[in-house]
N, C-alpha and C. Protein backbone atom coordinates (compact mmCIF):
# COMPACT_ATOMS: atom_id res chain seq x y z
N MET A 1 60.33 7.11 -22.58
CA MET A 1 60.65 7.11 -23.97
C MET A 1 61.16 8.44 -24.39
N THR A 2 62.23 8.51 -25.11
CA THR A 2 62.77 9.80 -25.53
C THR A 2 62.03 10.39 -26.74
N THR A 3 61.74 11.67 -26.54
CA THR A 3 60.90 12.38 -27.62
C THR A 3 61.79 13.20 -28.48
N ILE A 4 61.56 13.06 -29.84
CA ILE A 4 62.23 13.86 -30.89
C ILE A 4 61.17 14.68 -31.57
N LEU A 5 61.47 15.97 -31.82
CA LEU A 5 60.54 16.82 -32.64
C LEU A 5 61.16 16.95 -34.03
N VAL A 6 60.36 16.59 -35.02
CA VAL A 6 60.70 16.71 -36.48
C VAL A 6 59.93 17.83 -37.01
N VAL A 7 60.60 18.82 -37.68
CA VAL A 7 59.97 20.01 -38.24
C VAL A 7 60.39 20.07 -39.65
N ASP A 8 59.39 19.88 -40.57
CA ASP A 8 59.65 19.87 -42.06
C ASP A 8 58.28 20.05 -42.73
N ASP A 9 58.26 20.83 -43.76
CA ASP A 9 57.03 21.09 -44.49
C ASP A 9 56.91 20.09 -45.66
N GLU A 10 57.80 19.19 -45.85
CA GLU A 10 57.79 18.16 -46.87
C GLU A 10 57.28 16.90 -46.23
N PHE A 11 56.07 16.50 -46.49
CA PHE A 11 55.48 15.45 -45.71
C PHE A 11 56.22 14.05 -45.98
N LEU A 12 56.76 13.90 -47.14
CA LEU A 12 57.49 12.66 -47.46
C LEU A 12 58.70 12.53 -46.62
N ILE A 13 59.46 13.62 -46.46
CA ILE A 13 60.61 13.61 -45.55
C ILE A 13 60.25 13.41 -44.08
N THR A 14 59.17 14.05 -43.73
CA THR A 14 58.70 13.86 -42.34
C THR A 14 58.38 12.41 -42.08
N ASP A 15 57.63 11.79 -43.02
CA ASP A 15 57.23 10.32 -42.89
C ASP A 15 58.50 9.47 -42.80
N ILE A 16 59.44 9.68 -43.61
CA ILE A 16 60.67 8.90 -43.61
C ILE A 16 61.44 8.99 -42.20
N LEU A 17 61.50 10.24 -41.67
CA LEU A 17 62.15 10.41 -40.42
C LEU A 17 61.35 9.83 -39.31
N VAL A 18 60.11 10.04 -39.28
CA VAL A 18 59.20 9.47 -38.31
C VAL A 18 59.38 7.94 -38.26
N ASP A 19 59.27 7.33 -39.44
CA ASP A 19 59.41 5.84 -39.36
C ASP A 19 60.69 5.39 -38.90
N ALA A 20 61.76 6.02 -39.29
CA ALA A 20 63.14 5.59 -38.94
C ALA A 20 63.38 5.86 -37.47
N LEU A 21 62.92 6.95 -37.00
CA LEU A 21 63.16 7.24 -35.49
C LEU A 21 62.24 6.44 -34.62
N GLU A 22 61.01 6.18 -35.02
CA GLU A 22 60.20 5.25 -34.21
C GLU A 22 60.74 3.84 -34.22
N GLU A 23 61.30 3.41 -35.34
CA GLU A 23 61.97 2.04 -35.40
C GLU A 23 63.09 1.96 -34.43
N GLU A 24 63.77 3.11 -34.16
CA GLU A 24 64.89 3.09 -33.25
C GLU A 24 64.44 3.33 -31.76
N GLY A 25 63.10 3.42 -31.60
CA GLY A 25 62.57 3.47 -30.25
C GLY A 25 62.27 4.82 -29.75
N PHE A 26 62.31 5.86 -30.59
CA PHE A 26 61.96 7.25 -30.17
C PHE A 26 60.46 7.45 -30.37
N ARG A 27 60.03 8.35 -29.44
CA ARG A 27 58.65 8.90 -29.67
C ARG A 27 58.81 10.14 -30.53
N VAL A 28 58.02 10.38 -31.48
CA VAL A 28 58.24 11.58 -32.43
C VAL A 28 57.04 12.47 -32.50
N LEU A 29 57.25 13.73 -32.36
CA LEU A 29 56.25 14.78 -32.59
C LEU A 29 56.61 15.41 -33.96
N THR A 30 55.67 15.96 -34.62
CA THR A 30 55.96 16.65 -35.91
C THR A 30 55.29 18.02 -35.95
N ALA A 31 55.95 18.85 -36.72
CA ALA A 31 55.37 20.20 -37.08
C ALA A 31 55.74 20.55 -38.51
N SER A 32 54.93 21.26 -39.15
CA SER A 32 55.22 21.60 -40.50
C SER A 32 55.91 22.92 -40.76
N ASN A 33 56.22 23.66 -39.69
CA ASN A 33 56.94 24.85 -39.79
C ASN A 33 57.39 25.26 -38.33
N GLY A 34 58.26 26.28 -38.33
CA GLY A 34 58.81 26.66 -37.03
C GLY A 34 57.81 27.17 -36.13
N ARG A 35 56.82 27.92 -36.49
CA ARG A 35 55.83 28.41 -35.53
C ARG A 35 55.03 27.26 -34.90
N LYS A 36 54.65 26.31 -35.65
CA LYS A 36 53.92 25.17 -35.12
C LYS A 36 54.93 24.43 -34.15
N ALA A 37 56.18 24.38 -34.45
CA ALA A 37 57.16 23.76 -33.59
C ALA A 37 57.17 24.50 -32.19
N LEU A 38 57.16 25.76 -32.21
CA LEU A 38 57.24 26.50 -31.02
C LEU A 38 55.98 26.31 -30.13
N GLU A 39 54.80 26.09 -30.79
CA GLU A 39 53.55 25.78 -30.09
C GLU A 39 53.82 24.42 -29.38
N LEU A 40 54.34 23.43 -30.07
CA LEU A 40 54.57 22.10 -29.46
C LEU A 40 55.58 22.22 -28.33
N LEU A 41 56.68 23.09 -28.54
CA LEU A 41 57.69 23.24 -27.43
C LEU A 41 57.09 23.80 -26.16
N ASP A 42 56.06 24.65 -26.30
CA ASP A 42 55.40 25.29 -25.15
C ASP A 42 54.70 24.18 -24.29
N LYS A 43 54.37 23.03 -24.95
CA LYS A 43 53.61 22.00 -24.27
C LYS A 43 54.49 20.94 -23.79
N GLU A 44 55.61 20.63 -24.60
CA GLU A 44 56.46 19.57 -24.24
C GLU A 44 57.90 19.83 -24.75
N VAL A 45 58.91 19.55 -23.95
CA VAL A 45 60.26 19.76 -24.38
C VAL A 45 60.85 18.44 -24.82
N PRO A 46 61.13 18.36 -26.16
CA PRO A 46 61.79 17.09 -26.59
C PRO A 46 63.23 16.98 -26.28
N ALA A 47 63.82 15.87 -26.40
CA ALA A 47 65.25 15.62 -26.19
C ALA A 47 66.04 16.25 -27.32
N LEU A 48 65.45 16.36 -28.53
CA LEU A 48 66.19 16.81 -29.68
C LEU A 48 65.15 17.27 -30.78
N VAL A 49 65.69 18.23 -31.54
CA VAL A 49 64.85 18.76 -32.71
C VAL A 49 65.62 18.49 -33.98
N VAL A 50 64.91 17.91 -34.95
CA VAL A 50 65.41 17.80 -36.36
C VAL A 50 64.57 18.67 -37.16
N THR A 51 65.22 19.65 -37.89
CA THR A 51 64.45 20.62 -38.66
C THR A 51 64.98 20.77 -40.04
N ASP A 52 64.11 21.15 -40.92
CA ASP A 52 64.40 21.59 -42.27
C ASP A 52 64.87 23.05 -42.16
N PHE A 53 65.50 23.66 -43.20
CA PHE A 53 65.82 25.00 -43.19
C PHE A 53 64.69 25.84 -43.85
N MET A 54 64.35 25.49 -45.13
CA MET A 54 63.35 26.29 -45.89
C MET A 54 61.92 25.78 -45.56
N MET A 55 61.19 26.60 -44.87
CA MET A 55 59.80 26.35 -44.53
C MET A 55 59.06 27.67 -44.44
N PRO A 56 57.73 27.58 -44.65
CA PRO A 56 56.95 28.77 -44.60
C PRO A 56 56.81 29.22 -43.18
N LEU A 57 56.45 30.48 -42.93
CA LEU A 57 56.25 31.20 -41.71
C LEU A 57 57.47 31.36 -40.78
N MET A 58 58.33 30.35 -40.62
CA MET A 58 59.58 30.56 -39.85
C MET A 58 60.52 29.40 -40.32
N ASN A 59 61.64 29.85 -40.73
CA ASN A 59 62.61 28.86 -41.26
C ASN A 59 63.46 28.18 -40.15
N GLY A 60 64.17 27.19 -40.43
CA GLY A 60 64.96 26.48 -39.50
C GLY A 60 65.94 27.27 -38.71
N LEU A 61 66.55 28.31 -39.37
CA LEU A 61 67.53 29.11 -38.73
C LEU A 61 66.78 29.98 -37.64
N GLU A 62 65.74 30.56 -38.10
CA GLU A 62 64.86 31.37 -37.09
C GLU A 62 64.47 30.47 -35.94
N LEU A 63 64.00 29.28 -36.21
CA LEU A 63 63.52 28.43 -35.17
C LEU A 63 64.67 28.07 -34.23
N ALA A 64 65.79 27.75 -34.74
CA ALA A 64 66.96 27.46 -33.88
C ALA A 64 67.33 28.67 -33.01
N GLN A 65 67.36 29.87 -33.60
CA GLN A 65 67.64 31.03 -32.81
C GLN A 65 66.69 31.21 -31.64
N VAL A 66 65.40 31.04 -31.85
CA VAL A 66 64.41 31.14 -30.81
C VAL A 66 64.60 30.10 -29.77
N ILE A 67 64.82 28.82 -30.12
CA ILE A 67 64.99 27.78 -29.15
C ILE A 67 66.26 28.07 -28.34
N LYS A 68 67.36 28.49 -28.94
CA LYS A 68 68.56 28.74 -28.19
C LYS A 68 68.53 29.96 -27.25
N SER A 69 67.62 30.87 -27.60
CA SER A 69 67.53 32.04 -26.72
C SER A 69 66.54 31.94 -25.59
N ASN A 70 65.88 30.82 -25.56
CA ASN A 70 64.90 30.49 -24.43
C ASN A 70 65.61 29.64 -23.40
N PRO A 71 65.75 30.05 -22.16
CA PRO A 71 66.55 29.29 -21.20
C PRO A 71 65.95 27.80 -20.91
N ASP A 72 64.77 27.63 -21.09
CA ASP A 72 64.10 26.41 -20.94
C ASP A 72 64.35 25.38 -22.08
N TRP A 73 64.77 25.95 -23.17
CA TRP A 73 65.02 25.10 -24.39
C TRP A 73 66.47 25.12 -24.88
N ALA A 74 67.23 25.96 -24.37
CA ALA A 74 68.58 26.27 -24.91
C ALA A 74 69.47 25.00 -25.00
N ARG A 75 69.23 23.99 -24.13
CA ARG A 75 70.15 22.87 -24.22
C ARG A 75 69.62 21.75 -25.16
N ILE A 76 68.56 21.96 -25.86
CA ILE A 76 68.07 20.99 -26.83
C ILE A 76 68.94 21.03 -28.03
N PRO A 77 69.53 19.91 -28.40
CA PRO A 77 70.37 19.79 -29.60
C PRO A 77 69.41 19.92 -30.83
N ILE A 78 69.88 20.57 -31.83
CA ILE A 78 69.16 20.71 -33.12
C ILE A 78 70.00 20.26 -34.29
N ILE A 79 69.37 19.32 -35.10
CA ILE A 79 69.99 18.86 -36.32
C ILE A 79 69.21 19.43 -37.44
N LEU A 80 69.93 20.04 -38.36
CA LEU A 80 69.42 20.70 -39.51
C LEU A 80 69.54 19.86 -40.77
N LEU A 81 68.41 19.72 -41.58
CA LEU A 81 68.47 19.10 -42.82
C LEU A 81 68.15 20.18 -43.85
N SER A 82 69.04 20.37 -44.86
CA SER A 82 68.88 21.50 -45.79
C SER A 82 69.13 21.11 -47.19
N GLY A 83 68.20 21.56 -48.14
CA GLY A 83 68.48 21.41 -49.53
C GLY A 83 69.42 22.38 -50.17
N ALA A 84 69.40 23.65 -49.51
CA ALA A 84 70.27 24.59 -50.17
C ALA A 84 70.96 25.53 -49.26
N GLN A 85 70.70 25.49 -48.02
CA GLN A 85 71.19 26.46 -47.03
C GLN A 85 72.18 25.86 -46.04
N GLY A 86 72.72 24.69 -46.30
CA GLY A 86 73.65 24.09 -45.38
C GLY A 86 74.86 24.86 -44.95
N ALA A 87 75.41 25.73 -45.91
CA ALA A 87 76.54 26.52 -45.60
C ALA A 87 76.23 27.54 -44.50
N ILE A 88 75.03 28.20 -44.63
CA ILE A 88 74.59 29.11 -43.63
C ILE A 88 74.56 28.44 -42.25
N ALA A 89 73.98 27.27 -42.20
CA ALA A 89 73.84 26.60 -40.90
C ALA A 89 75.23 26.14 -40.39
N ARG A 90 76.08 25.75 -41.24
CA ARG A 90 77.43 25.29 -40.74
C ARG A 90 78.24 26.45 -40.21
N SER A 91 77.92 27.63 -40.52
CA SER A 91 78.56 28.84 -40.06
C SER A 91 77.97 29.17 -38.72
N ARG A 92 77.01 28.43 -38.23
CA ARG A 92 76.46 28.74 -36.86
C ARG A 92 76.51 27.51 -35.97
N PRO A 93 77.63 27.02 -35.63
CA PRO A 93 77.79 25.75 -34.84
C PRO A 93 77.12 25.84 -33.47
N GLU A 94 76.97 27.10 -33.00
CA GLU A 94 76.36 27.31 -31.69
C GLU A 94 74.88 26.96 -31.69
N LEU A 95 74.36 26.95 -32.99
CA LEU A 95 72.92 26.58 -33.08
C LEU A 95 72.62 25.13 -33.42
N PHE A 96 73.51 24.50 -34.19
CA PHE A 96 73.27 23.26 -34.68
C PHE A 96 74.24 22.16 -34.28
N ALA A 97 73.70 21.02 -33.81
CA ALA A 97 74.60 19.90 -33.45
C ALA A 97 75.16 19.22 -34.63
N ALA A 98 74.39 19.22 -35.69
CA ALA A 98 74.88 18.62 -37.04
C ALA A 98 73.96 19.23 -38.11
N VAL A 99 74.63 19.22 -39.35
CA VAL A 99 73.96 19.69 -40.54
C VAL A 99 74.04 18.68 -41.59
N TYR A 100 72.98 18.32 -42.26
CA TYR A 100 73.00 17.39 -43.40
C TYR A 100 72.38 18.05 -44.58
N ASP A 101 72.93 17.86 -45.73
CA ASP A 101 72.38 18.31 -46.93
C ASP A 101 71.41 17.29 -47.47
N LYS A 102 70.35 17.72 -48.08
CA LYS A 102 69.37 16.91 -48.81
C LYS A 102 69.92 16.63 -50.17
N PRO A 103 69.79 15.47 -50.70
CA PRO A 103 69.26 14.30 -50.06
C PRO A 103 70.35 13.69 -49.05
N PHE A 104 69.83 13.28 -47.89
CA PHE A 104 70.66 12.74 -46.82
C PHE A 104 70.54 11.20 -46.73
N ARG A 105 71.51 10.65 -46.07
CA ARG A 105 71.46 9.27 -45.75
C ARG A 105 70.80 9.07 -44.35
N ILE A 106 69.71 8.38 -44.29
CA ILE A 106 68.94 8.32 -43.08
C ILE A 106 69.79 7.71 -42.01
N GLU A 107 70.65 6.81 -42.38
CA GLU A 107 71.51 6.18 -41.32
C GLU A 107 72.51 7.18 -40.67
N ASN A 108 72.97 8.13 -41.38
CA ASN A 108 73.75 9.15 -40.83
C ASN A 108 72.99 10.02 -39.89
N VAL A 109 71.81 10.41 -40.23
CA VAL A 109 70.94 11.24 -39.38
C VAL A 109 70.61 10.49 -38.11
N LEU A 110 70.23 9.26 -38.17
CA LEU A 110 69.97 8.41 -37.07
C LEU A 110 71.18 8.36 -36.10
N THR A 111 72.38 8.18 -36.67
CA THR A 111 73.54 8.16 -35.87
C THR A 111 73.73 9.47 -35.05
N ALA A 112 73.60 10.60 -35.79
CA ALA A 112 73.68 11.84 -35.23
C ALA A 112 72.64 12.09 -34.07
N VAL A 113 71.43 11.66 -34.27
CA VAL A 113 70.44 11.75 -33.30
C VAL A 113 70.76 10.96 -31.98
N VAL A 114 71.16 9.73 -32.19
CA VAL A 114 71.56 8.91 -31.00
C VAL A 114 72.68 9.53 -30.31
N GLU A 115 73.76 10.03 -30.99
CA GLU A 115 74.95 10.61 -30.42
C GLU A 115 74.52 11.92 -29.68
N ALA A 116 73.69 12.81 -30.21
CA ALA A 116 73.33 13.99 -29.58
C ALA A 116 72.52 13.75 -28.38
N VAL A 117 71.55 12.78 -28.46
CA VAL A 117 70.71 12.54 -27.24
C VAL A 117 71.60 11.91 -26.17
N SER A 118 72.54 11.07 -26.47
CA SER A 118 73.39 10.51 -25.51
C SER A 118 74.30 11.50 -24.89
N ALA A 119 74.85 12.45 -25.67
CA ALA A 119 75.67 13.50 -25.16
C ALA A 119 74.91 14.41 -24.22
N GLN A 120 73.62 14.72 -24.49
CA GLN A 120 72.82 15.54 -23.73
C GLN A 120 72.58 14.91 -22.38
N ARG A 121 72.29 13.56 -22.40
CA ARG A 121 72.07 12.86 -21.12
C ARG A 121 73.33 12.88 -20.23
N ARG A 122 74.48 12.85 -20.78
CA ARG A 122 75.79 12.80 -20.02
C ARG A 122 76.06 14.16 -19.46
N SER A 123 75.56 15.23 -20.02
CA SER A 123 75.92 16.57 -19.53
C SER A 123 74.99 17.08 -18.43
């Protein structure tokens, strides 16, 4: 089963993403900030990360930079969901496979997840 890591400090959004991803057949891990996500990554490497931008302790941009700088994690695609910082993320295509502004359409995010996981498997 393919594992996805969802990183967001808004529990309602996390719940929506977890429900939708599990319905699509993914196993989902969750973290409420970037530091907790890194702790999970030390234990298990997911196929993809979906992260918020604005979070306490470590934001989504900082998380993506750490992931991409680690050779063991650098190939993990990252999808960013942002309420206000989408333009910053879009200027960093080397970090993010896709960027969606909040509020987002869950169908679009699911499509991006499936495409990114499939592309990673092919490479």
